[in-house]
Amino acid sequence: MVGDLYFIYSGNPPTWDVLTRNLLNLVAMAAFFVFVTGLSSILRNADPAHDWLASLVFGTGLIYAAIVLVKISLEVGVVLGTPSGRLGPTTDGPLAHANVLMHGSVARLVTALLLTAARYAILRA
């Protein structure tokens, strides 16, 4: 659903589109906080010997959420700073290169660590 808001314009998206998709991402991150907290609690209670895995799942989940919140802030900051729409929220602005890394390799690395730790903990519990 949110992905559709990213790829429907050939140029820079309008302000309302960027604000809408990032508002939806904020709601998704709130749900993700609850999910990661619950999953780590279940893993911790299932096998106390693998408490470190539950902590790893919780920590990487929070790091991932922090990365997403920073990405949201950078995108919305560009749009609010130039409401004319002449700047693209993911490719322009003072930290555009960092934003590209956060959308790509950094988020993928943290996601892989989160999923690997969760898989291992679930299989062990």
PDB file of N, CA and C in Angstrom:
ATOM      1  N   MET A   1       0.826  -1.192   0.000  1.00  0.00           N
ATOM      2  CA  MET A   1       0.000   0.000   0.000  1.00  0.00           C
ATOM      3  C   MET A   1       0.874   1.261   0.000  1.00  0.00           C
ATOM      4  N   VAL A   2       1.802   1.327   0.941  1.00  0.00           N
ATOM      5  CA  VAL A   2       2.665   2.507   1.008  1.00  0.00           C
ATOM      6  C   VAL A   2       3.580   2.557  -0.211  1.00  0.00           C
ATOM      7  N   GLY A   3       3.991   1.387  -0.719  1.00  0.00           N
ATOM      8  CA  GLY A   3       4.856   1.344  -1.893  1.00  0.00           C
ATOM      9  C   GLY A   3       4.241   2.029  -3.101  1.00  0.00           C
ATOM     10  N   ASP A   4       2.907   1.972  -3.215  1.00  0.00           N
ATOM     11  CA  ASP A   4       2.238   2.642  -4.328  1.00  0.00           C
ATOM     12  C   ASP A   4       2.437   4.154  -4.275  1.00  0.00           C
ATOM     13  N   LEU A   5       2.604   4.707  -3.110  1.00  0.00           N
ATOM     14  CA  LEU A   5       2.799   6.146  -2.976  1.00  0.00           C
ATOM     15  C   LEU A   5       4.205   6.587  -3.386  1.00  0.00           C
ATOM     16  N   TYR A   6       5.113   5.642  -3.566  1.00  0.00           N
ATOM     17  CA  TYR A   6       6.479   5.971  -3.956  1.00  0.00           C
ATOM     18  C   TYR A   6       6.677   6.010  -5.466  1.00  0.00           C
ATOM     19  N   PHE A   7       5.919   5.258  -6.223  1.00  0.00           N
ATOM     20  CA  PHE A   7       6.259   5.047  -7.625  1.00  0.00           C
ATOM     21  C   PHE A   7       5.175   5.467  -8.607  1.00  0.00           C
ATOM     22  N   ILE A   8       4.335   6.406  -8.254  1.00  0.00           N
ATOM     23  CA  ILE A   8       3.265   6.783  -9.174  1.00  0.00           C
ATOM     24  C   ILE A   8       3.553   8.084  -9.915  1.00  0.00           C
ATOM     25  N   TYR A   9       4.670   8.742  -9.623  1.00  0.00           N
ATOM     26  CA  TYR A   9       5.000  10.014 -10.280  1.00  0.00           C
ATOM     27  C   TYR A   9       6.312   9.865 -11.026  1.00  0.00           C
ATOM     28  N   SER A  10       6.391  10.473 -12.200  1.00  0.00           N
ATOM     29  CA  SER A  10       7.628  10.397 -12.976  1.00  0.00           C
ATOM     30  C   SER A  10       8.681  11.368 -12.435  1.00  0.00           C
ATOM     31  N   GLY A  11       8.260  12.455 -11.842  1.00  0.00           N
ATOM     32  CA  GLY A  11       9.192  13.423 -11.262  1.00  0.00           C
ATOM     33  C   GLY A  11       9.107  13.390  -9.745  1.00  0.00           C
ATOM     34  N   ASN A  12       9.345  14.540  -9.150  1.00  0.00           N
ATOM     35  CA  ASN A  12       9.246  14.640  -7.692  1.00  0.00           C
ATOM     36  C   ASN A  12       7.787  14.512  -7.270  1.00  0.00           C
ATOM     37  N   PRO A  13       7.535  13.782  -6.188  1.00  0.00           N
ATOM     38  CA  PRO A  13       6.156  13.628  -5.734  1.00  0.00           C
ATOM     39  C   PRO A  13       5.645  14.919  -5.087  1.00  0.00           C
ATOM     40  N   PRO A  14       4.332  15.134  -5.105  1.00  0.00           N
ATOM     41  CA  PRO A  14       3.792  16.317  -4.439  1.00  0.00           C
ATOM     42  C   PRO A  14       3.929  16.201  -2.914  1.00  0.00           C
ATOM     43  N   THR A  15       3.813  17.333  -2.271  1.00  0.00           N
ATOM     44  CA  THR A  15       3.992  17.383  -0.818  1.00  0.00           C
ATOM     45  C   THR A  15       3.019  16.461  -0.092  1.00  0.00           C
ATOM     46  N   TRP A  16       1.758  16.453  -0.512  1.00  0.00           N
ATOM     47  CA  TRP A  16       0.766  15.628   0.180  1.00  0.00           C
ATOM     48  C   TRP A  16       1.126  14.149   0.113  1.00  0.00           C
ATOM     49  N   ASP A  17       1.736  13.714  -0.992  1.00  0.00           N
ATOM     50  CA  ASP A  17       2.114  12.313  -1.147  1.00  0.00           C
ATOM     51  C   ASP A  17       3.219  11.940  -0.156  1.00  0.00           C
ATOM     52  N   VAL A  18       4.232  12.776  -0.059  1.00  0.00           N
ATOM     53  CA  VAL A  18       5.346  12.513   0.851  1.00  0.00           C
ATOM     54  C   VAL A  18       4.850  12.506   2.295  1.00  0.00           C
ATOM     55  N   LEU A  19       4.015  13.478   2.649  1.00  0.00           N
ATOM     56  CA  LEU A  19       3.502  13.539   4.016  1.00  0.00           C
ATOM     57  C   LEU A  19       2.603  12.341   4.327  1.00  0.00           C
ATOM     58  N   THR A  20       1.788  11.908   3.369  1.00  0.00           N
ATOM     59  CA  THR A  20       0.901  10.763   3.585  1.00  0.00           C
ATOM     60  C   THR A  20       1.687   9.481   3.783  1.00  0.00           C
ATOM     61  N   ARG A  21       2.640   9.220   2.904  1.00  0.00           N
ATOM     62  CA  ARG A  21       3.388   7.966   3.025  1.00  0.00           C
ATOM     63  C   ARG A  21       4.233   7.927   4.291  1.00  0.00           C
ATOM     64  N   ASN A  22       4.741   9.073   4.712  1.00  0.00           N
ATOM     65  CA  ASN A  22       5.546   9.082   5.925  1.00  0.00           C
ATOM     66  C   ASN A  22       4.687   9.019   7.184  1.00  0.00           C
ATOM     67  N   LEU A  23       3.472   9.543   7.128  1.00  0.00           N
ATOM     68  CA  LEU A  23       2.542   9.361   8.240  1.00  0.00           C
ATOM     69  C   LEU A  23       2.184   7.880   8.385  1.00  0.00           C
ATOM     70  N   LEU A  24       1.950   7.205   7.263  1.00  0.00           N
ATOM     71  CA  LEU A  24       1.683   5.761   7.309  1.00  0.00           C
ATOM     72  C   LEU A  24       2.891   4.993   7.840  1.00  0.00           C
ATOM     73  N   ASN A  25       4.088   5.425   7.457  1.00  0.00           N
ATOM     74  CA  ASN A  25       5.296   4.780   7.978  1.00  0.00           C
ATOM     75  C   ASN A  25       5.458   5.001   9.477  1.00  0.00           C
ATOM     76  N   LEU A  26       5.057   6.158   9.982  1.00  0.00           N
ATOM     77  CA  LEU A  26       5.101   6.393  11.427  1.00  0.00           C
ATOM     78  C   LEU A  26       4.178   5.437  12.170  1.00  0.00           C
ATOM     79  N   VAL A  27       2.986   5.238  11.635  1.00  0.00           N
ATOM     80  CA  VAL A  27       2.043   4.298  12.249  1.00  0.00           C
ATOM     81  C   VAL A  27       2.608   2.880  12.194  1.00  0.00           C
ATOM     82  N   ALA A  28       3.208   2.519  11.066  1.00  0.00           N
ATOM     83  CA  ALA A  28       3.809   1.195  10.939  1.00  0.00           C
ATOM     84  C   ALA A  28       4.956   1.006  11.932  1.00  0.00           C
ATOM     85  N   MET A  29       5.738   2.043  12.173  1.00  0.00           N
ATOM     86  CA  MET A  29       6.831   1.931  13.139  1.00  0.00           C
ATOM     87  C   MET A  29       6.312   1.788  14.568  1.00  0.00           C
ATOM     88  N   ALA A  30       5.200   2.420  14.874  1.00  0.00           N
ATOM     89  CA  ALA A  30       4.598   2.237  16.195  1.00  0.00           C
ATOM     90  C   ALA A  30       4.171   0.782  16.381  1.00  0.00           C
ATOM     91  N   ALA A  31       3.568   0.201  15.350  1.00  0.00           N
ATOM     92  CA  ALA A  31       3.181  -1.210  15.414  1.00  0.00           C
ATOM     93  C   ALA A  31       4.416  -2.109  15.477  1.00  0.00           C
ATOM     94  N   PHE A  32       5.473  -1.727  14.773  1.00  0.00           N
ATOM     95  CA  PHE A  32       6.703  -2.513  14.788  1.00  0.00           C
ATOM     96  C   PHE A  32       7.349  -2.505  16.172  1.00  0.00           C
ATOM     97  N   PHE A  33       7.318  -1.358  16.855  1.00  0.00           N
ATOM     98  CA  PHE A  33       7.813  -1.292  18.238  1.00  0.00           C
ATOM     99  C   PHE A  33       7.108  -2.323  19.110  1.00  0.00           C
ATOM    100  N   VAL A  34       5.787  -2.356  19.011  1.00  0.00           N
ATOM    101  CA  VAL A  34       4.996  -3.296  19.815  1.00  0.00           C
ATOM    102  C   VAL A  34       5.340  -4.737  19.439  1.00  0.00           C
ATOM    103  N   PHE A  35       5.460  -5.008  18.145  1.00  0.00           N
ATOM    104  CA  PHE A  35       5.779  -6.358  17.684  1.00  0.00           C
ATOM    105  C   PHE A  35       7.134  -6.833  18.205  1.00  0.00           C
ATOM    106  N   VAL A  36       8.163  -6.013  18.052  1.00  0.00           N
ATOM    107  CA  VAL A  36       9.511  -6.415  18.467  1.00  0.00           C
ATOM    108  C   VAL A  36       9.572  -6.599  19.984  1.00  0.00           C
ATOM    109  N   THR A  37       8.906  -5.741  20.717  1.00  0.00           N
ATOM    110  CA  THR A  37       8.878  -5.880  22.167  1.00  0.00           C
ATOM    111  C   THR A  37       8.190  -7.182  22.569  1.00  0.00           C
ATOM    112  N   GLY A  38       7.049  -7.478  21.951  1.00  0.00           N
ATOM    113  CA  GLY A  38       6.339  -8.716  22.254  1.00  0.00           C
ATOM    114  C   GLY A  38       7.118  -9.950  21.854  1.00  0.00           C
ATOM    115  N   LEU A  39       7.734  -9.923  20.664  1.00  0.00           N
ATOM    116  CA  LEU A  39       8.513 -11.071  20.212  1.00  0.00           C
ATOM    117  C   LEU A  39       9.688 -11.341  21.128  1.00  0.00           C
ATOM    118  N   SER A  40      10.398 -10.316  21.520  1.00  0.00           N
ATOM    119  CA  SER A  40      11.545 -10.527  22.414  1.00  0.00           C
ATOM    120  C   SER A  40      11.091 -11.035  23.779  1.00  0.00           C
ATOM    121  N   SER A  41       9.944 -10.583  24.249  1.00  0.00           N
ATOM    122  CA  SER A  41       9.418 -11.073  25.524  1.00  0.00           C
ATOM    123  C   SER A  41       9.042 -12.555  25.430  1.00  0.00           C
ATOM    124  N   ILE A  42       8.397 -12.939  24.339  1.00  0.00           N
ATOM    125  CA  ILE A  42       8.032 -14.347  24.143  1.00  0.00           C
ATOM    126  C   ILE A  42       9.280 -15.221  24.058  1.00  0.00           C
ATOM    127  N   LEU A  43      10.280 -14.765  23.325  1.00  0.00           N
ATOM    128  CA  LEU A  43      11.514 -15.534  23.200  1.00  0.00           C
ATOM    129  C   LEU A  43      12.237 -15.647  24.534  1.00  0.00           C
ATOM    130  N   ARG A  44      12.240 -14.577  25.293  1.00  0.00           N
ATOM    131  CA  ARG A  44      12.909 -14.570  26.591  1.00  0.00           C
ATOM    132  C   ARG A  44      12.226 -15.547  27.555  1.00  0.00           C
ATOM    133  N   ASN A  45      10.894 -15.588  27.530  1.00  0.00           N
ATOM    134  CA  ASN A  45      10.150 -16.478  28.420  1.00  0.00           C
ATOM    135  C   ASN A  45      10.187 -17.927  27.956  1.00  0.00           C
ATOM    136  N   ALA A  46      10.346 -18.161  26.657  1.00  0.00           N
ATOM    137  CA  ALA A  46      10.348 -19.522  26.129  1.00  0.00           C
ATOM    138  C   ALA A  46      11.606 -20.289  26.530  1.00  0.00           C
ATOM    139  N   ASP A  47      12.737 -19.625  26.522  1.00  0.00           N
ATOM    140  CA  ASP A  47      13.990 -20.291  26.883  1.00  0.00           C
ATOM    141  C   ASP A  47      14.950 -19.275  27.500  1.00  0.00           C
ATOM    142  N   PRO A  48      15.006 -19.229  28.826  1.00  0.00           N
ATOM    143  CA  PRO A  48      15.890 -18.255  29.487  1.00  0.00           C
ATOM    144  C   PRO A  48      17.373 -18.423  29.129  1.00  0.00           C
ATOM    145  N   ALA A  49      17.755 -19.597  28.645  1.00  0.00           N
ATOM    146  CA  ALA A  49      19.156 -19.805  28.262  1.00  0.00           C
ATOM    147  C   ALA A  49      19.525 -18.989  27.028  1.00  0.00           C
ATOM    148  N   HIS A  50      18.535 -18.637  26.230  1.00  0.00           N
ATOM    149  CA  HIS A  50      18.786 -17.832  25.023  1.00  0.00           C
ATOM    150  C   HIS A  50      18.304 -16.391  25.206  1.00  0.00           C
ATOM    151  N   ASP A  51      18.473 -15.890  26.398  1.00  0.00           N
ATOM    152  CA  ASP A  51      18.090 -14.510  26.704  1.00  0.00           C
ATOM    153  C   ASP A  51      18.853 -13.517  25.829  1.00  0.00           C
ATOM    154  N   TRP A  52      20.094 -13.831  25.523  1.00  0.00           N
ATOM    155  CA  TRP A  52      20.898 -12.942  24.699  1.00  0.00           C
ATOM    156  C   TRP A  52      20.313 -12.798  23.300  1.00  0.00           C
ATOM    157  N   LEU A  53      19.696 -13.863  22.774  1.00  0.00           N
ATOM    158  CA  LEU A  53      19.063 -13.761  21.456  1.00  0.00           C
ATOM    159  C   LEU A  53      17.845 -12.849  21.499  1.00  0.00           C
ATOM    160  N   ALA A  54      17.071 -12.958  22.567  1.00  0.00           N
ATOM    161  CA  ALA A  54      15.913 -12.068  22.710  1.00  0.00           C
ATOM    162  C   ALA A  54      16.370 -10.615  22.792  1.00  0.00           C
ATOM    163  N   SER A  55      17.467 -10.390  23.490  1.00  0.00           N
ATOM    164  CA  SER A  55      18.013  -9.031  23.577  1.00  0.00           C
ATOM    165  C   SER A  55      18.517  -8.549  22.222  1.00  0.00           C
ATOM    166  N   LEU A  56      19.112  -9.456  21.447  1.00  0.00           N
ATOM    167  CA  LEU A  56      19.590  -9.099  20.101  1.00  0.00           C
ATOM    168  C   LEU A  56      18.416  -8.759  19.180  1.00  0.00           C
ATOM    169  N   VAL A  57      17.347  -9.532  19.261  1.00  0.00           N
ATOM    170  CA  VAL A  57      16.152  -9.246  18.468  1.00  0.00           C
ATOM    171  C   VAL A  57      15.585  -7.878  18.851  1.00  0.00           C
ATOM    172  N   PHE A  58      15.478  -7.622  20.142  1.00  0.00           N
ATOM    173  CA  PHE A  58      14.941  -6.349  20.614  1.00  0.00           C
ATOM    174  C   PHE A  58      15.829  -5.184  20.189  1.00  0.00           C
ATOM    175  N   GLY A  59      17.140  -5.334  20.372  1.00  0.00           N
ATOM    176  CA  GLY A  59      18.071  -4.260  20.029  1.00  0.00           C
ATOM    177  C   GLY A  59      18.105  -3.952  18.549  1.00  0.00           C
ATOM    178  N   THR A  60      18.170  -4.979  17.719  1.00  0.00           N
ATOM    179  CA  THR A  60      18.203  -4.728  16.282  1.00  0.00           C
ATOM    180  C   THR A  60      16.861  -4.188  15.790  1.00  0.00           C
ATOM    181  N   GLY A  61      15.775  -4.604  16.428  1.00  0.00           N
ATOM    182  CA  GLY A  61      14.471  -4.041  16.068  1.00  0.00           C
ATOM    183  C   GLY A  61      14.404  -2.555  16.358  1.00  0.00           C
ATOM    184  N   LEU A  62      14.941  -2.164  17.508  1.00  0.00           N
ATOM    185  CA  LEU A  62      14.950  -0.738  17.845  1.00  0.00           C
ATOM    186  C   LEU A  62      15.885   0.054  16.933  1.00  0.00           C
ATOM    187  N   ILE A  63      17.015  -0.545  16.574  1.00  0.00           N
ATOM    188  CA  ILE A  63      17.928   0.131  15.652  1.00  0.00           C
ATOM    189  C   ILE A  63      17.265   0.315  14.293  1.00  0.00           C
ATOM    190  N   TYR A  64      16.577  -0.721  13.816  1.00  0.00           N
ATOM    191  CA  TYR A  64      15.881  -0.614  12.539  1.00  0.00           C
ATOM    192  C   TYR A  64      14.821   0.489  12.600  1.00  0.00           C
ATOM    193  N   ALA A  65      14.059   0.515  13.678  1.00  0.00           N
ATOM    194  CA  ALA A  65      13.030   1.546  13.824  1.00  0.00           C
ATOM    195  C   ALA A  65      13.657   2.944  13.863  1.00  0.00           C
ATOM    196  N   ALA A  66      14.796   3.072  14.523  1.00  0.00           N
ATOM    197  CA  ALA A  66      15.473   4.372  14.572  1.00  0.00           C
ATOM    198  C   ALA A  66      15.932   4.802  13.181  1.00  0.00           C
ATOM    199  N   ILE A  67      16.449   3.849  12.393  1.00  0.00           N
ATOM    200  CA  ILE A  67      16.865   4.166  11.027  1.00  0.00           C
ATOM    201  C   ILE A  67      15.678   4.653  10.210  1.00  0.00           C
ATOM    202  N   VAL A  68      14.552   3.956  10.335  1.00  0.00           N
ATOM    203  CA  VAL A  68      13.358   4.348   9.578  1.00  0.00           C
ATOM    204  C   VAL A  68      12.871   5.724  10.022  1.00  0.00           C
ATOM    205  N   LEU A  69      12.894   6.002  11.308  1.00  0.00           N
ATOM    206  CA  LEU A  69      12.449   7.309  11.785  1.00  0.00           C
ATOM    207  C   LEU A  69      13.357   8.431  11.287  1.00  0.00           C
ATOM    208  N   VAL A  70      14.650   8.164  11.196  1.00  0.00           N
ATOM    209  CA  VAL A  70      15.567   9.167  10.643  1.00  0.00           C
ATOM    210  C   VAL A  70      15.293   9.368   9.156  1.00  0.00           C
ATOM    211  N   LYS A  71      15.050   8.267   8.418  1.00  0.00           N
ATOM    212  CA  LYS A  71      14.717   8.393   6.997  1.00  0.00           C
ATOM    213  C   LYS A  71      13.463   9.238   6.808  1.00  0.00           C
ATOM    214  N   ILE A  72      12.467   8.974   7.629  1.00  0.00           N
ATOM    215  CA  ILE A  72      11.217   9.745   7.554  1.00  0.00           C
ATOM    216  C   ILE A  72      11.496  11.221   7.816  1.00  0.00           C
ATOM    217  N   SER A  73      12.286  11.499   8.826  1.00  0.00           N
ATOM    218  CA  SER A  73      12.596  12.883   9.175  1.00  0.00           C
ATOM    219  C   SER A  73      13.319  13.601   8.041  1.00  0.00           C
ATOM    220  N   LEU A  74      14.254  12.924   7.403  1.00  0.00           N
ATOM    221  CA  LEU A  74      14.997  13.540   6.308  1.00  0.00           C
ATOM    222  C   LEU A  74      14.098  13.808   5.107  1.00  0.00           C
ATOM    223  N   GLU A  75      13.227  12.864   4.777  1.00  0.00           N
ATOM    224  CA  GLU A  75      12.317  13.061   3.647  1.00  0.00           C
ATOM    225  C   GLU A  75      11.353  14.210   3.899  1.00  0.00           C
ATOM    226  N   VAL A  76      10.724  14.197   5.055  1.00  0.00           N
ATOM    227  CA  VAL A  76       9.741  15.237   5.364  1.00  0.00           C
ATOM    228  C   VAL A  76      10.428  16.593   5.514  1.00  0.00           C
ATOM    229  N   GLY A  77      11.641  16.598   6.055  1.00  0.00           N
ATOM    230  CA  GLY A  77      12.373  17.857   6.198  1.00  0.00           C
ATOM    231  C   GLY A  77      12.644  18.523   4.868  1.00  0.00           C
ATOM    232  N   VAL A  78      12.983  17.739   3.845  1.00  0.00           N
ATOM    233  CA  VAL A  78      13.225  18.306   2.517  1.00  0.00           C
ATOM    234  C   VAL A  78      11.938  18.895   1.955  1.00  0.00           C
ATOM    235  N   VAL A  79      10.834  18.174   2.108  1.00  0.00           N
ATOM    236  CA  VAL A  79       9.550  18.644   1.561  1.00  0.00           C
ATOM    237  C   VAL A  79       9.061  19.883   2.305  1.00  0.00           C
ATOM    238  N   LEU A  80       9.187  19.889   3.624  1.00  0.00           N
ATOM    239  CA  LEU A  80       8.738  21.059   4.382  1.00  0.00           C
ATOM    240  C   LEU A  80       9.663  22.255   4.170  1.00  0.00           C
ATOM    241  N   GLY A  81      10.937  21.983   3.894  1.00  0.00           N
ATOM    242  CA  GLY A  81      11.889  23.069   3.644  1.00  0.00           C
ATOM    243  C   GLY A  81      11.706  23.724   2.295  1.00  0.00           C
ATOM    244  N   THR A  82      11.235  22.967   1.323  1.00  0.00           N
ATOM    245  CA  THR A  82      10.972  23.507  -0.021  1.00  0.00           C
ATOM    246  C   THR A  82       9.602  23.024  -0.490  1.00  0.00           C
ATOM    247  N   PRO A  83       8.537  23.650  -0.020  1.00  0.00           N
ATOM    248  CA  PRO A  83       7.188  23.198  -0.377  1.00  0.00           C
ATOM    249  C   PRO A  83       6.834  23.384  -1.854  1.00  0.00           C
ATOM    250  N   SER A  84       7.704  24.038  -2.609  1.00  0.00           N
ATOM    251  CA  SER A  84       7.426  24.230  -4.037  1.00  0.00           C
ATOM    252  C   SER A  84       7.476  22.915  -4.810  1.00  0.00           C
ATOM    253  N   GLY A  85       8.132  21.898  -4.250  1.00  0.00           N
ATOM    254  CA  GLY A  85       8.212  20.605  -4.910  1.00  0.00           C
ATOM    255  C   GLY A  85       9.353  20.467  -5.884  1.00  0.00           C
ATOM    256  N   ARG A  86      10.282  21.415  -5.898  1.00  0.00           N
ATOM    257  CA  ARG A  86      11.385  21.335  -6.853  1.00  0.00           C
ATOM    258  C   ARG A  86      12.492  20.384  -6.395  1.00  0.00           C
ATOM    259  N   LEU A  87      12.466  19.957  -5.133  1.00  0.00           N
ATOM    260  CA  LEU A  87      13.458  19.004  -4.628  1.00  0.00           C
ATOM    261  C   LEU A  87      12.801  17.657  -4.368  1.00  0.00           C
ATOM    262  N   GLY A  88      13.479  16.585  -4.750  1.00  0.00           N
ATOM    263  CA  GLY A  88      12.992  15.236  -4.465  1.00  0.00           C
ATOM    264  C   GLY A  88      13.365  14.841  -3.049  1.00  0.00           C
ATOM    265  N   PRO A  89      12.445  14.293  -2.281  1.00  0.00           N
ATOM    266  CA  PRO A  89      12.711  14.018  -0.878  1.00  0.00           C
ATOM    267  C   PRO A  89      13.742  12.927  -0.623  1.00  0.00           C
ATOM    268  N   THR A  90      13.974  12.027  -1.574  1.00  0.00           N
ATOM    269  CA  THR A  90      14.954  10.970  -1.340  1.00  0.00           C
ATOM    270  C   THR A  90      16.273  11.202  -2.056  1.00  0.00           C
ATOM    271  N   THR A  91      16.328  12.171  -2.965  1.00  0.00           N
ATOM    272  CA  THR A  91      17.555  12.384  -3.728  1.00  0.00           C
ATOM    273  C   THR A  91      18.168  13.768  -3.553  1.00  0.00           C
ATOM    274  N   ASP A  92      17.430  14.709  -2.983  1.00  0.00           N
ATOM    275  CA  ASP A  92      17.935  16.063  -2.803  1.00  0.00           C
ATOM    276  C   ASP A  92      17.959  16.420  -1.323  1.00  0.00           C
ATOM    277  N   GLY A  93      18.672  17.450  -1.019  1.00  0.00           N
ATOM    278  CA  GLY A  93      18.746  17.917   0.358  1.00  0.00           C
ATOM    279  C   GLY A  93      20.149  17.751   0.909  1.00  0.00           C
ATOM    280  N   PRO A  94      20.388  18.280   2.096  1.00  0.00           N
ATOM    281  CA  PRO A  94      21.743  18.288   2.646  1.00  0.00           C
ATOM    282  C   PRO A  94      22.285  16.901   2.986  1.00  0.00           C
ATOM    283  N   LEU A  95      21.409  15.947   3.281  1.00  0.00           N
ATOM    284  CA  LEU A  95      21.870  14.611   3.657  1.00  0.00           C
ATOM    285  C   LEU A  95      21.358  13.537   2.701  1.00  0.00           C
ATOM    286  N   ALA A  96      21.219  13.879   1.428  1.00  0.00           N
ATOM    287  CA  ALA A  96      20.642  12.950   0.454  1.00  0.00           C
ATOM    288  C   ALA A  96      21.474  11.675   0.312  1.00  0.00           C
ATOM    289  N   HIS A  97      22.773  11.785   0.339  1.00  0.00           N
ATOM    290  CA  HIS A  97      23.619  10.596   0.186  1.00  0.00           C
ATOM    291  C   HIS A  97      23.479   9.673   1.390  1.00  0.00           C
ATOM    292  N   ALA A  98      23.373  10.245   2.564  1.00  0.00           N
ATOM    293  CA  ALA A  98      23.137   9.423   3.755  1.00  0.00           C
ATOM    294  C   ALA A  98      21.766   8.770   3.692  1.00  0.00           C
ATOM    295  N   ASN A  99      20.793   9.492   3.162  1.00  0.00           N
ATOM    296  CA  ASN A  99      19.444   8.952   3.026  1.00  0.00           C
ATOM    297  C   ASN A  99      19.434   7.749   2.089  1.00  0.00           C
ATOM    298  N   VAL A 100      20.209   7.810   1.025  1.00  0.00           N
ATOM    299  CA  VAL A 100      20.300   6.684   0.097  1.00  0.00           C
ATOM    300  C   VAL A 100      20.883   5.467   0.806  1.00  0.00           C
ATOM    301  N   LEU A 101      21.911   5.657   1.605  1.00  0.00           N
ATOM    302  CA  LEU A 101      22.491   4.543   2.357  1.00  0.00           C
ATOM    303  C   LEU A 101      21.504   3.977   3.375  1.00  0.00           C
ATOM    304  N   MET A 102      20.741   4.846   4.030  1.00  0.00           N
ATOM    305  CA  MET A 102      19.781   4.360   5.020  1.00  0.00           C
ATOM    306  C   MET A 102      18.637   3.600   4.362  1.00  0.00           C
ATOM    307  N   HIS A 103      18.238   4.013   3.161  1.00  0.00           N
ATOM    308  CA  HIS A 103      17.192   3.283   2.444  1.00  0.00           C
ATOM    309  C   HIS A 103      17.716   1.946   1.929  1.00  0.00           C
ATOM    310  N   GLY A 104      19.010   1.852   1.709  1.00  0.00           N
ATOM    311  CA  GLY A 104      19.574   0.666   1.076  1.00  0.00           C
ATOM    312  C   GLY A 104      20.350  -0.225   2.020  1.00  0.00           C
ATOM    313  N   SER A 105      21.658  -0.138   1.934  1.00  0.00           N
ATOM    314  CA  SER A 105      22.522  -1.129   2.575  1.00  0.00           C
ATOM    315  C   SER A 105      22.441  -1.131   4.104  1.00  0.00           C
ATOM    316  N   VAL A 106      22.312   0.008   4.729  1.00  0.00           N
ATOM    317  CA  VAL A 106      22.255   0.043   6.195  1.00  0.00           C
ATOM    318  C   VAL A 106      20.986  -0.639   6.701  1.00  0.00           C
ATOM    319  N   ALA A 107      19.859  -0.303   6.115  1.00  0.00           N
ATOM    320  CA  ALA A 107      18.591  -0.932   6.534  1.00  0.00           C
ATOM    321  C   ALA A 107      18.601  -2.422   6.236  1.00  0.00           C
ATOM    322  N   ARG A 108      19.182  -2.824   5.115  1.00  0.00           N
ATOM    323  CA  ARG A 108      19.230  -4.248   4.761  1.00  0.00           C
ATOM    324  C   ARG A 108      20.098  -5.039   5.731  1.00  0.00           C
ATOM    325  N   LEU A 109      21.220  -4.455   6.144  1.00  0.00           N
ATOM    326  CA  LEU A 109      22.107  -5.116   7.086  1.00  0.00           C
ATOM    327  C   LEU A 109      21.406  -5.345   8.426  1.00  0.00           C
ATOM    328  N   VAL A 110      20.758  -4.326   8.935  1.00  0.00           N
ATOM    329  CA  VAL A 110      20.062  -4.453  10.218  1.00  0.00           C
ATOM    330  C   VAL A 110      18.889  -5.416  10.102  1.00  0.00           C
ATOM    331  N   THR A 111      18.178  -5.379   8.981  1.00  0.00           N
ATOM    332  CA  THR A 111      17.066  -6.308   8.763  1.00  0.00           C
ATOM    333  C   THR A 111      17.568  -7.750   8.734  1.00  0.00           C
ATOM    334  N   ALA A 112      18.680  -7.999   8.050  1.00  0.00           N
ATOM    335  CA  ALA A 112      19.238  -9.353   7.996  1.00  0.00           C
ATOM    336  C   ALA A 112      19.640  -9.837   9.380  1.00  0.00           C
ATOM    337  N   LEU A 113      20.249  -8.974  10.174  1.00  0.00           N
ATOM    338  CA  LEU A 113      20.632  -9.353  11.527  1.00  0.00           C
ATOM    339  C   LEU A 113      19.401  -9.639  12.387  1.00  0.00           C
ATOM    340  N   LEU A 114      18.388  -8.807  12.285  1.00  0.00           N
ATOM    341  CA  LEU A 114      17.149  -9.009  13.041  1.00  0.00           C
ATOM    342  C   LEU A 114      16.496 -10.337  12.671  1.00  0.00           C
ATOM    343  N   LEU A 115      16.344 -10.595  11.384  1.00  0.00           N
ATOM    344  CA  LEU A 115      15.673 -11.826  10.950  1.00  0.00           C
ATOM    345  C   LEU A 115      16.491 -13.074  11.272  1.00  0.00           C
ATOM    346  N   THR A 116      17.799 -12.986  11.167  1.00  0.00           N
ATOM    347  CA  THR A 116      18.654 -14.124  11.504  1.00  0.00           C
ATOM    348  C   THR A 116      18.571 -14.439  12.991  1.00  0.00           C
ATOM    349  N   ALA A 117      18.653 -13.432  13.821  1.00  0.00           N
ATOM    350  CA  ALA A 117      18.558 -13.655  15.273  1.00  0.00           C
ATOM    351  C   ALA A 117      17.183 -14.171  15.650  1.00  0.00           C
ATOM    352  N   ALA A 118      16.120 -13.625  15.055  1.00  0.00           N
ATOM    353  CA  ALA A 118      14.760 -14.087  15.360  1.00  0.00           C
ATOM    354  C   ALA A 118      14.572 -15.531  14.911  1.00  0.00           C
ATOM    355  N   ARG A 119      15.060 -15.868  13.732  1.00  0.00           N
ATOM    356  CA  ARG A 119      14.932 -17.242  13.254  1.00  0.00           C
ATOM    357  C   ARG A 119      15.648 -18.210  14.165  1.00  0.00           C
ATOM    358  N   TYR A 120      16.876 -17.901  14.527  1.00  0.00           N
ATOM    359  CA  TYR A 120      17.642 -18.777  15.399  1.00  0.00           C
ATOM    360  C   TYR A 120      16.979 -18.924  16.760  1.00  0.00           C
ATOM    361  N   ALA A 121      16.493 -17.828  17.309  1.00  0.00           N
ATOM    362  CA  ALA A 121      15.847 -17.879  18.617  1.00  0.00           C
ATOM    363  C   ALA A 121      14.534 -18.671  18.563  1.00  0.00           C
ATOM    364  N   ILE A 122      13.767 -18.480  17.511  1.00  0.00           N
ATOM    365  CA  ILE A 122      12.501 -19.218  17.378  1.00  0.00           C
ATOM    366  C   ILE A 122      12.762 -20.705  17.246  1.00  0.00           C
ATOM    367  N   LEU A 123      13.750 -21.087  16.447  1.00  0.00           N
ATOM    368  CA  LEU A 123      14.069 -22.507  16.282  1.00  0.00           C
ATOM    369  C   LEU A 123      14.611 -23.124  17.565  1.00  0.00           C
ATOM    370  N   ARG A 124      15.361 -22.371  18.352  1.00  0.00           N
ATOM    371  CA  ARG A 124      15.922 -22.877  19.604  1.00  0.00           C
ATOM    372  C   ARG A 124      14.868 -22.940  20.720  1.00  0.00           C
ATOM    373  N   ALA A 125      13.908 -22.036  20.667  1.00  0.00           N
ATOM    374  CA  ALA A 125      12.870 -22.009  21.716  1.00  0.00           C
ATOM    375  C   ALA A 125      11.815 -23.036  21.382  1.00  0.00           C
TER     376      ALA A 125
END
